Amino acid sequence: RLAIDRLLDQVTAPAIVLFTAPSDRESLHLEVVYNDDVAWPDDAPVIRAHDRGAQNIELYRYYARIAPERSVWRLDRDRMTIQKIGKVRELASGVIAP
């Protein structure tokens, strides 16, 4: 967990962090996607979500309507890297490819 927390320190709020599924079966049971510090996930400065590939467009479109300035980051659990991929408004409109 500490390694993930260090990666998350790079994220500037407001943001969404998409977590890729690990290829390691033993790590698969460790749930890193939670937003338990707020009553409603939309209220979190940094929203944690599972990376669902092409289905992420639903998330981008939703947040483009209510919080278009949120940035989106991808945390690769195999490589233990994090990368900013853009703003939800850009991702939702197809201005940039995820």
N, C-alpha and C. Protein backbone atom coordinates (compact mmCIF):
# COMPACT_ATOMS: atom_id res chain seq x y z
N ARG A 1 0.81 -1.21 0.00
CA ARG A 1 0.00 0.00 0.00
C ARG A 1 0.85 1.27 0.00
N LEU A 2 1.94 1.24 0.70
CA LEU A 2 2.75 2.45 0.80
C LEU A 2 3.26 2.90 -0.56
N ALA A 3 3.62 1.99 -1.42
CA ALA A 3 4.10 2.35 -2.76
C ALA A 3 3.00 3.06 -3.54
N ILE A 4 1.78 2.58 -3.41
CA ILE A 4 0.65 3.22 -4.09
C ILE A 4 0.42 4.61 -3.52
N ASP A 5 0.50 4.75 -2.21
CA ASP A 5 0.32 6.07 -1.60
C ASP A 5 1.38 7.06 -2.09
N ARG A 6 2.60 6.60 -2.27
CA ARG A 6 3.66 7.49 -2.78
C ARG A 6 3.35 7.94 -4.20
N LEU A 7 2.84 7.01 -5.01
CA LEU A 7 2.45 7.39 -6.38
C LEU A 7 1.30 8.40 -6.36
N LEU A 8 0.35 8.19 -5.48
CA LEU A 8 -0.79 9.10 -5.40
C LEU A 8 -0.40 10.49 -4.93
N ASP A 9 0.73 10.62 -4.26
CA ASP A 9 1.21 11.94 -3.85
C ASP A 9 1.50 12.84 -5.05
N GLN A 10 1.69 12.26 -6.23
CA GLN A 10 1.96 13.03 -7.45
C GLN A 10 0.70 13.65 -8.05
N VAL A 11 -0.45 13.17 -7.64
CA VAL A 11 -1.72 13.58 -8.23
C VAL A 11 -2.18 14.91 -7.65
N THR A 12 -2.57 15.81 -8.52
CA THR A 12 -3.12 17.10 -8.12
C THR A 12 -4.63 17.03 -8.19
N ALA A 13 -5.29 17.34 -7.09
CA ALA A 13 -6.75 17.33 -7.04
C ALA A 13 -7.30 18.58 -7.72
N PRO A 14 -8.49 18.52 -8.26
CA PRO A 14 -9.41 17.38 -8.30
C PRO A 14 -9.01 16.41 -9.41
N ALA A 15 -9.13 15.13 -9.10
CA ALA A 15 -8.68 14.12 -10.06
C ALA A 15 -9.44 12.81 -9.91
N ILE A 16 -9.27 11.99 -10.92
CA ILE A 16 -9.72 10.60 -10.90
C ILE A 16 -8.48 9.77 -11.19
N VAL A 17 -8.27 8.74 -10.40
CA VAL A 17 -7.16 7.82 -10.65
C VAL A 17 -7.75 6.48 -11.05
N LEU A 18 -7.39 6.03 -12.25
CA LEU A 18 -7.83 4.74 -12.76
C LEU A 18 -6.76 3.71 -12.43
N PHE A 19 -7.14 2.67 -11.72
CA PHE A 19 -6.21 1.62 -11.32
C PHE A 19 -6.34 0.44 -12.27
N THR A 20 -5.24 0.05 -12.90
CA THR A 20 -5.26 -1.14 -13.75
C THR A 20 -5.27 -2.38 -12.86
N ALA A 21 -5.83 -3.45 -13.37
CA ALA A 21 -5.83 -4.72 -12.64
C ALA A 21 -4.43 -5.32 -12.71
N PRO A 22 -3.93 -5.84 -11.60
CA PRO A 22 -2.60 -6.46 -11.63
C PRO A 22 -2.66 -7.81 -12.32
N SER A 23 -1.59 -8.19 -12.98
CA SER A 23 -1.53 -9.50 -13.61
C SER A 23 -1.22 -10.59 -12.59
N ASP A 24 -0.66 -10.20 -11.48
CA ASP A 24 -0.31 -11.13 -10.40
C ASP A 24 -1.58 -11.53 -9.65
N ARG A 25 -1.94 -12.78 -9.73
CA ARG A 25 -3.17 -13.27 -9.09
C ARG A 25 -3.19 -13.00 -7.59
N GLU A 26 -2.03 -13.06 -6.95
CA GLU A 26 -2.00 -12.85 -5.50
C GLU A 26 -2.31 -11.41 -5.13
N SER A 27 -1.96 -10.47 -6.00
CA SER A 27 -2.24 -9.06 -5.74
C SER A 27 -3.67 -8.68 -6.09
N LEU A 28 -4.32 -9.52 -6.87
CA LEU A 28 -5.66 -9.22 -7.34
C LEU A 28 -6.66 -9.04 -6.20
N HIS A 29 -6.47 -9.74 -5.10
CA HIS A 29 -7.41 -9.65 -3.98
C HIS A 29 -7.23 -8.37 -3.16
N LEU A 30 -6.14 -7.64 -3.34
CA LEU A 30 -5.92 -6.40 -2.60
C LEU A 30 -6.71 -5.27 -3.26
N GLU A 31 -7.74 -4.83 -2.62
CA GLU A 31 -8.58 -3.77 -3.18
C GLU A 31 -7.96 -2.42 -2.89
N VAL A 32 -7.64 -1.69 -3.94
CA VAL A 32 -7.03 -0.37 -3.79
C VAL A 32 -8.01 0.73 -4.20
N VAL A 33 -9.15 0.33 -4.71
CA VAL A 33 -10.14 1.31 -5.16
C VAL A 33 -11.19 1.47 -4.07
N TYR A 34 -11.09 2.57 -3.36
CA TYR A 34 -12.05 2.89 -2.32
C TYR A 34 -12.07 4.40 -2.16
N ASN A 35 -13.19 4.90 -1.74
CA ASN A 35 -13.37 6.34 -1.52
C ASN A 35 -14.08 6.51 -0.18
N ASP A 36 -13.52 5.88 0.85
CA ASP A 36 -14.20 5.84 2.14
C ASP A 36 -13.99 7.07 3.02
N ASP A 37 -13.25 8.06 2.51
CA ASP A 37 -13.04 9.27 3.30
C ASP A 37 -14.13 10.31 3.08
N VAL A 38 -15.09 10.00 2.19
CA VAL A 38 -16.20 10.90 1.91
C VAL A 38 -17.50 10.10 1.85
N ALA A 39 -18.62 10.79 2.06
CA ALA A 39 -19.92 10.12 2.02
C ALA A 39 -20.32 9.73 0.60
N TRP A 40 -19.89 10.52 -0.38
CA TRP A 40 -20.24 10.29 -1.78
C TRP A 40 -18.96 10.42 -2.60
N PRO A 41 -18.64 9.45 -3.46
CA PRO A 41 -17.37 9.51 -4.20
C PRO A 41 -17.15 10.82 -4.97
N ASP A 42 -18.21 11.44 -5.47
CA ASP A 42 -18.05 12.70 -6.20
C ASP A 42 -17.43 13.80 -5.36
N ASP A 43 -17.52 13.66 -4.03
CA ASP A 43 -16.98 14.67 -3.13
C ASP A 43 -15.49 14.48 -2.83
N ALA A 44 -14.92 13.37 -3.26
CA ALA A 44 -13.51 13.10 -2.98
C ALA A 44 -12.62 13.99 -3.84
N PRO A 45 -11.58 14.56 -3.27
CA PRO A 45 -10.64 15.34 -4.08
C PRO A 45 -9.98 14.46 -5.14
N VAL A 46 -9.68 13.21 -4.77
CA VAL A 46 -9.11 12.24 -5.70
C VAL A 46 -10.00 11.00 -5.66
N ILE A 47 -10.69 10.78 -6.75
CA ILE A 47 -11.60 9.63 -6.87
C ILE A 47 -10.81 8.45 -7.39
N ARG A 48 -10.94 7.32 -6.72
CA ARG A 48 -10.29 6.08 -7.16
C ARG A 48 -11.30 5.24 -7.92
N ALA A 49 -10.89 4.70 -9.06
CA ALA A 49 -11.79 3.89 -9.88
C ALA A 49 -11.00 2.80 -10.58
N HIS A 50 -11.68 1.74 -10.94
CA HIS A 50 -11.06 0.67 -11.72
C HIS A 50 -10.94 1.13 -13.17
N ASP A 51 -9.81 0.84 -13.79
CA ASP A 51 -9.63 1.11 -15.21
C ASP A 51 -10.41 0.05 -15.98
N ARG A 52 -11.44 0.47 -16.69
CA ARG A 52 -12.32 -0.45 -17.41
C ARG A 52 -12.15 -0.35 -18.92
N GLY A 53 -11.01 0.16 -19.34
CA GLY A 53 -10.73 0.24 -20.77
C GLY A 53 -11.71 1.15 -21.50
N ALA A 54 -12.29 0.65 -22.57
CA ALA A 54 -13.20 1.45 -23.39
C ALA A 54 -14.43 1.91 -22.61
N GLN A 55 -14.80 1.18 -21.58
CA GLN A 55 -15.95 1.57 -20.77
C GLN A 55 -15.69 2.80 -19.91
N ASN A 56 -14.44 3.23 -19.82
CA ASN A 56 -14.12 4.45 -19.07
C ASN A 56 -14.84 5.67 -19.64
N ILE A 57 -15.25 5.61 -20.90
CA ILE A 57 -15.93 6.74 -21.54
C ILE A 57 -17.16 7.15 -20.74
N GLU A 58 -17.84 6.20 -20.13
CA GLU A 58 -19.01 6.51 -19.30
C GLU A 58 -18.62 7.39 -18.12
N LEU A 59 -17.52 7.06 -17.50
CA LEU A 59 -17.00 7.84 -16.37
C LEU A 59 -16.59 9.24 -16.84
N TYR A 60 -15.89 9.31 -17.97
CA TYR A 60 -15.46 10.60 -18.51
C TYR A 60 -16.66 11.48 -18.81
N ARG A 61 -17.66 10.93 -19.44
CA ARG A 61 -18.86 11.73 -19.79
C ARG A 61 -19.60 12.22 -18.56
N TYR A 62 -19.72 11.37 -17.56
CA TYR A 62 -20.39 11.77 -16.32
C TYR A 62 -19.65 12.94 -15.67
N TYR A 63 -18.34 12.79 -15.48
CA TYR A 63 -17.59 13.85 -14.82
C TYR A 63 -17.40 15.08 -15.70
N ALA A 64 -17.44 14.93 -16.99
CA ALA A 64 -17.38 16.09 -17.89
C ALA A 64 -18.58 16.99 -17.66
N ARG A 65 -19.71 16.39 -17.29
CA ARG A 65 -20.93 17.18 -17.01
C ARG A 65 -20.87 17.88 -15.66
N ILE A 66 -20.33 17.19 -14.63
CA ILE A 66 -20.41 17.75 -13.28
C ILE A 66 -19.10 18.35 -12.75
N ALA A 67 -17.96 17.94 -13.33
CA ALA A 67 -16.66 18.42 -12.85
C ALA A 67 -15.65 18.36 -13.99
N PRO A 68 -15.84 19.19 -15.03
CA PRO A 68 -15.03 19.09 -16.25
C PRO A 68 -13.54 19.36 -16.06
N GLU A 69 -13.15 19.96 -14.97
CA GLU A 69 -11.73 20.25 -14.75
C GLU A 69 -10.99 19.13 -14.03
N ARG A 70 -11.69 18.07 -13.68
CA ARG A 70 -10.99 16.94 -13.04
C ARG A 70 -9.99 16.35 -14.02
N SER A 71 -8.80 16.11 -13.53
CA SER A 71 -7.80 15.43 -14.36
C SER A 71 -7.93 13.93 -14.13
N VAL A 72 -7.47 13.18 -15.12
CA VAL A 72 -7.53 11.72 -15.05
C VAL A 72 -6.11 11.18 -15.11
N TRP A 73 -5.83 10.26 -14.22
CA TRP A 73 -4.54 9.62 -14.12
C TRP A 73 -4.73 8.12 -14.20
N ARG A 74 -3.72 7.41 -14.69
CA ARG A 74 -3.75 5.94 -14.73
C ARG A 74 -2.59 5.41 -13.89
N LEU A 75 -2.95 4.57 -12.92
CA LEU A 75 -1.94 3.94 -12.08
C LEU A 75 -1.82 2.48 -12.52
N ASP A 76 -0.66 2.13 -13.05
CA ASP A 76 -0.39 0.79 -13.53
C ASP A 76 0.14 -0.02 -12.35
N ARG A 77 -0.65 -0.99 -11.91
CA ARG A 77 -0.28 -1.75 -10.71
C ARG A 77 0.84 -2.75 -10.98
N ASP A 78 1.06 -3.15 -12.22
CA ASP A 78 2.17 -4.06 -12.52
C ASP A 78 3.49 -3.31 -12.53
N ARG A 79 3.52 -2.17 -13.19
CA ARG A 79 4.76 -1.39 -13.31
C ARG A 79 4.97 -0.43 -12.14
N MET A 80 3.91 -0.21 -11.36
CA MET A 80 3.92 0.74 -10.26
C MET A 80 4.35 2.12 -10.76
N THR A 81 3.61 2.58 -11.79
CA THR A 81 3.81 3.91 -12.36
C THR A 81 2.47 4.61 -12.41
N ILE A 82 2.54 5.92 -12.48
CA ILE A 82 1.32 6.72 -12.60
C ILE A 82 1.56 7.76 -13.69
N GLN A 83 0.52 8.00 -14.48
CA GLN A 83 0.65 8.93 -15.60
C GLN A 83 -0.65 9.72 -15.74
N LYS A 84 -0.50 11.01 -15.95
CA LYS A 84 -1.67 11.86 -16.22
C LYS A 84 -2.07 11.64 -17.67
N ILE A 85 -3.38 11.41 -17.90
CA ILE A 85 -3.82 11.17 -19.28
C ILE A 85 -4.70 12.29 -19.82
N GLY A 86 -5.10 13.23 -18.98
CA GLY A 86 -5.87 14.37 -19.48
C GLY A 86 -6.97 14.80 -18.55
N LYS A 87 -7.80 15.72 -19.04
CA LYS A 87 -8.97 16.21 -18.31
C LYS A 87 -10.20 15.43 -18.78
N VAL A 88 -11.16 15.25 -17.88
CA VAL A 88 -12.35 14.48 -18.28
C VAL A 88 -13.07 15.11 -19.46
N ARG A 89 -13.10 16.44 -19.53
CA ARG A 89 -13.81 17.07 -20.65
C ARG A 89 -13.15 16.73 -21.98
N GLU A 90 -11.83 16.65 -22.01
CA GLU A 90 -11.11 16.29 -23.23
C GLU A 90 -11.30 14.82 -23.58
N LEU A 91 -11.23 13.98 -22.57
CA LEU A 91 -11.40 12.54 -22.79
C LEU A 91 -12.82 12.21 -23.23
N ALA A 92 -13.80 12.88 -22.64
CA ALA A 92 -15.20 12.62 -22.98
C ALA A 92 -15.53 13.04 -24.40
N SER A 93 -14.89 14.10 -24.86
CA SER A 93 -15.19 14.61 -26.19
C SER A 93 -14.32 13.98 -27.28
N GLY A 94 -13.33 13.21 -26.87
CA GLY A 94 -12.45 12.59 -27.86
C GLY A 94 -11.34 13.49 -28.33
N VAL A 95 -11.16 14.66 -27.68
CA VAL A 95 -10.09 15.58 -28.06
C VAL A 95 -8.74 14.90 -27.88
N ILE A 96 -8.63 14.11 -26.82
CA ILE A 96 -7.42 13.30 -26.63
C ILE A 96 -7.84 11.85 -26.43
N ALA A 97 -7.02 10.95 -26.90
CA ALA A 97 -7.31 9.53 -26.75
C ALA A 97 -6.72 9.03 -25.44
N PRO A 98 -7.48 8.24 -24.71
CA PRO A 98 -6.99 7.73 -23.43
C PRO A 98 -5.93 6.71 -23.65
